[in-house]
Amino acid sequence: MNKTLLIDADVLAFEASVIAEESIEWKEEMWTVHADMALAKARIVNRVEEFKEKLQADDIVMALTDRANYRRILNPD
C-alpha cells in the first residue's frame, strides 16, 4: 500500500523565504533585503526529502493557498 504525504507548502515557502533573506543596513535608516533563491529552493527540496524519508512516503502532494481556502473562512485577516 502506497503512503502519500500531504504537505502544506505555504509553511515550507515561508520558512524557506525567511532562511534565504539577508538584510543589509547601508547607513542609518537605509536598508535593503535580498533573498538567495537557490538557497530557498534547496531548503524546500531538502525538507521534502527529509519528510519523505522519515515518514516513509511513496508519493507527495503539496498544497498552496489560493484566494478561496479554509484559512480565510477561519480568519478573514
N, C-alpha and C. Protein backbone atom coordinates (compact mmCIF):
# COMPACT_ATOMS: atom_id res chain seq x y z
N MET A 1 0.84 -1.19 0.00
CA MET A 1 0.00 0.00 0.00
C MET A 1 0.88 1.25 0.00
N ASN A 2 0.62 2.16 -0.91
CA ASN A 2 1.38 3.40 -1.01
C ASN A 2 0.98 4.39 0.07
N LYS A 3 1.96 5.10 0.57
CA LYS A 3 1.70 6.15 1.55
C LYS A 3 1.95 7.49 0.87
N THR A 4 0.95 8.39 0.94
CA THR A 4 1.05 9.71 0.34
C THR A 4 1.22 10.75 1.43
N LEU A 5 2.20 11.59 1.26
CA LEU A 5 2.50 12.66 2.19
C LEU A 5 1.85 13.94 1.68
N LEU A 6 0.97 14.54 2.47
CA LEU A 6 0.31 15.80 2.12
C LEU A 6 1.02 16.92 2.87
N ILE A 7 1.58 17.86 2.14
CA ILE A 7 2.37 18.94 2.74
C ILE A 7 1.71 20.28 2.49
N ASP A 8 1.60 21.08 3.56
CA ASP A 8 1.15 22.47 3.46
C ASP A 8 2.35 23.27 2.95
N ALA A 9 2.39 23.52 1.66
CA ALA A 9 3.55 24.16 1.04
C ALA A 9 3.69 25.63 1.42
N ASP A 10 2.62 26.24 1.92
CA ASP A 10 2.72 27.62 2.40
C ASP A 10 3.75 27.72 3.52
N VAL A 11 3.73 26.74 4.41
CA VAL A 11 4.66 26.73 5.54
C VAL A 11 6.09 26.58 5.03
N LEU A 12 6.29 25.68 4.08
CA LEU A 12 7.63 25.49 3.52
C LEU A 12 8.12 26.74 2.79
N ALA A 13 7.24 27.37 2.05
CA ALA A 13 7.63 28.58 1.30
C ALA A 13 8.00 29.70 2.26
N PHE A 14 7.23 29.86 3.33
CA PHE A 14 7.53 30.91 4.31
C PHE A 14 8.86 30.63 4.99
N GLU A 15 9.05 29.40 5.43
CA GLU A 15 10.29 29.01 6.11
C GLU A 15 11.49 29.24 5.19
N ALA A 16 11.39 28.83 3.96
CA ALA A 16 12.50 28.98 3.01
C ALA A 16 12.79 30.45 2.73
N SER A 17 11.75 31.27 2.65
CA SER A 17 11.97 32.68 2.37
C SER A 17 12.66 33.38 3.54
N VAL A 18 12.32 33.00 4.76
CA VAL A 18 12.96 33.58 5.94
C VAL A 18 14.44 33.19 5.99
N ILE A 19 14.72 31.93 5.70
CA ILE A 19 16.10 31.45 5.73
C ILE A 19 16.94 32.10 4.64
N ALA A 20 16.35 32.36 3.49
CA ALA A 20 17.10 32.89 2.35
C ALA A 20 17.29 34.40 2.40
N GLU A 21 16.57 35.09 3.30
CA GLU A 21 16.65 36.54 3.39
C GLU A 21 17.92 37.02 4.07
N GLU A 22 18.44 38.12 3.55
CA GLU A 22 19.56 38.78 4.21
C GLU A 22 19.29 40.28 4.18
N SER A 23 19.26 40.88 5.36
CA SER A 23 19.05 42.33 5.48
C SER A 23 20.40 43.02 5.59
N ILE A 24 20.53 44.12 4.86
CA ILE A 24 21.76 44.90 4.90
C ILE A 24 21.40 46.35 5.24
N GLU A 25 22.07 46.87 6.27
CA GLU A 25 21.90 48.27 6.62
C GLU A 25 23.07 49.04 6.00
N TRP A 26 22.77 49.84 4.98
CA TRP A 26 23.80 50.58 4.27
C TRP A 26 24.24 51.80 5.06
N LYS A 27 23.29 52.43 5.68
CA LYS A 27 23.55 53.54 6.60
C LYS A 27 22.32 53.66 7.49
N GLU A 28 22.34 54.55 8.44
CA GLU A 28 21.22 54.67 9.37
C GLU A 28 19.91 54.89 8.60
N GLU A 29 18.95 54.02 8.90
CA GLU A 29 17.60 54.06 8.32
C GLU A 29 17.57 53.76 6.81
N MET A 30 18.61 53.16 6.29
CA MET A 30 18.60 52.75 4.88
C MET A 30 18.96 51.28 4.79
N TRP A 31 17.96 50.47 4.50
CA TRP A 31 18.10 49.01 4.47
C TRP A 31 17.69 48.47 3.11
N THR A 32 18.25 47.35 2.77
CA THR A 32 17.74 46.53 1.66
C THR A 32 17.64 45.10 2.17
N VAL A 33 16.75 44.37 1.56
CA VAL A 33 16.60 42.96 1.88
C VAL A 33 16.77 42.17 0.59
N HIS A 34 17.66 41.20 0.62
CA HIS A 34 17.94 40.36 -0.54
C HIS A 34 17.57 38.93 -0.19
N ALA A 35 17.27 38.14 -1.20
CA ALA A 35 16.98 36.73 -1.00
C ALA A 35 17.77 35.89 -1.99
N ASP A 36 18.33 34.82 -1.49
CA ASP A 36 19.07 33.87 -2.33
C ASP A 36 18.09 32.77 -2.74
N MET A 37 17.58 32.87 -3.97
CA MET A 37 16.55 31.93 -4.43
C MET A 37 17.07 30.50 -4.47
N ALA A 38 18.33 30.31 -4.81
CA ALA A 38 18.90 28.95 -4.84
C ALA A 38 18.88 28.34 -3.43
N LEU A 39 19.18 29.14 -2.43
CA LEU A 39 19.14 28.67 -1.04
C LEU A 39 17.71 28.31 -0.63
N ALA A 40 16.75 29.14 -1.01
CA ALA A 40 15.35 28.88 -0.68
C ALA A 40 14.86 27.58 -1.34
N LYS A 41 15.17 27.40 -2.61
CA LYS A 41 14.77 26.18 -3.32
C LYS A 41 15.40 24.95 -2.70
N ALA A 42 16.69 25.05 -2.39
CA ALA A 42 17.38 23.91 -1.77
C ALA A 42 16.77 23.56 -0.43
N ARG A 43 16.38 24.56 0.34
CA ARG A 43 15.75 24.32 1.65
C ARG A 43 14.46 23.52 1.48
N ILE A 44 13.64 23.92 0.52
CA ILE A 44 12.37 23.23 0.30
C ILE A 44 12.62 21.79 -0.14
N VAL A 45 13.51 21.59 -1.10
CA VAL A 45 13.81 20.24 -1.59
C VAL A 45 14.32 19.37 -0.44
N ASN A 46 15.24 19.91 0.36
CA ASN A 46 15.79 19.14 1.48
C ASN A 46 14.73 18.78 2.51
N ARG A 47 13.86 19.73 2.83
CA ARG A 47 12.80 19.46 3.82
C ARG A 47 11.84 18.39 3.32
N VAL A 48 11.45 18.48 2.05
CA VAL A 48 10.53 17.49 1.48
C VAL A 48 11.17 16.10 1.50
N GLU A 49 12.40 16.03 1.09
CA GLU A 49 13.11 14.74 1.12
C GLU A 49 13.23 14.20 2.54
N GLU A 50 13.49 15.09 3.50
CA GLU A 50 13.58 14.69 4.90
C GLU A 50 12.23 14.12 5.39
N PHE A 51 11.14 14.82 5.09
CA PHE A 51 9.81 14.33 5.48
C PHE A 51 9.51 12.99 4.83
N LYS A 52 9.81 12.90 3.53
CA LYS A 52 9.53 11.67 2.78
C LYS A 52 10.27 10.49 3.38
N GLU A 53 11.54 10.70 3.72
CA GLU A 53 12.35 9.63 4.29
C GLU A 53 11.86 9.24 5.70
N LYS A 54 11.67 10.24 6.55
CA LYS A 54 11.27 9.96 7.93
C LYS A 54 9.90 9.29 8.01
N LEU A 55 8.99 9.69 7.12
CA LEU A 55 7.63 9.16 7.16
C LEU A 55 7.42 8.00 6.19
N GLN A 56 8.48 7.62 5.50
CA GLN A 56 8.46 6.51 4.55
C GLN A 56 7.32 6.64 3.55
N ALA A 57 7.22 7.83 2.97
CA ALA A 57 6.16 8.11 1.99
C ALA A 57 6.61 7.71 0.59
N ASP A 58 5.65 7.25 -0.19
CA ASP A 58 5.91 6.89 -1.59
C ASP A 58 5.62 8.06 -2.52
N ASP A 59 4.59 8.83 -2.19
CA ASP A 59 4.15 9.94 -3.02
C ASP A 59 4.03 11.20 -2.17
N ILE A 60 4.08 12.34 -2.84
CA ILE A 60 3.98 13.63 -2.16
C ILE A 60 2.98 14.50 -2.89
N VAL A 61 2.10 15.14 -2.13
CA VAL A 61 1.19 16.15 -2.66
C VAL A 61 1.44 17.41 -1.85
N MET A 62 1.73 18.50 -2.57
CA MET A 62 1.98 19.78 -1.90
C MET A 62 0.86 20.74 -2.27
N ALA A 63 0.30 21.41 -1.27
CA ALA A 63 -0.82 22.33 -1.49
C ALA A 63 -0.42 23.75 -1.13
N LEU A 64 -0.74 24.68 -2.01
CA LEU A 64 -0.53 26.10 -1.77
C LEU A 64 -1.87 26.80 -1.64
N THR A 65 -1.90 27.85 -0.85
CA THR A 65 -3.12 28.62 -0.65
C THR A 65 -3.46 29.42 -1.91
N ASP A 66 -4.75 29.52 -2.18
CA ASP A 66 -5.20 30.45 -3.22
C ASP A 66 -6.22 31.38 -2.57
N ARG A 67 -6.98 32.07 -3.35
CA ARG A 67 -7.93 33.05 -2.78
C ARG A 67 -9.06 32.40 -2.02
N ALA A 68 -9.48 31.22 -2.40
CA ALA A 68 -10.57 30.53 -1.71
C ALA A 68 -9.99 29.35 -0.94
N ASN A 69 -9.83 29.52 0.36
CA ASN A 69 -9.29 28.44 1.17
C ASN A 69 -9.86 28.48 2.58
N TYR A 70 -9.71 27.42 3.30
CA TYR A 70 -10.30 27.31 4.62
C TYR A 70 -9.72 28.30 5.62
N ARG A 71 -8.48 28.73 5.43
CA ARG A 71 -7.87 29.69 6.35
C ARG A 71 -8.64 31.00 6.38
N ARG A 72 -9.10 31.44 5.22
CA ARG A 72 -9.84 32.70 5.14
C ARG A 72 -11.23 32.56 5.76
N ILE A 73 -11.78 31.39 5.77
CA ILE A 73 -13.06 31.16 6.44
C ILE A 73 -12.86 31.24 7.97
N LEU A 74 -11.77 30.66 8.45
CA LEU A 74 -11.49 30.68 9.89
C LEU A 74 -11.09 32.07 10.38
N ASN A 75 -10.31 32.80 9.54
CA ASN A 75 -9.85 34.13 9.92
C ASN A 75 -9.67 34.97 8.66
N PRO A 76 -10.61 35.85 8.36
CA PRO A 76 -10.54 36.64 7.12
C PRO A 76 -9.29 37.51 7.00
N ASP A 77 -8.65 37.84 8.10
CA ASP A 77 -7.43 38.67 8.04
C ASP A 77 -6.24 37.86 7.62
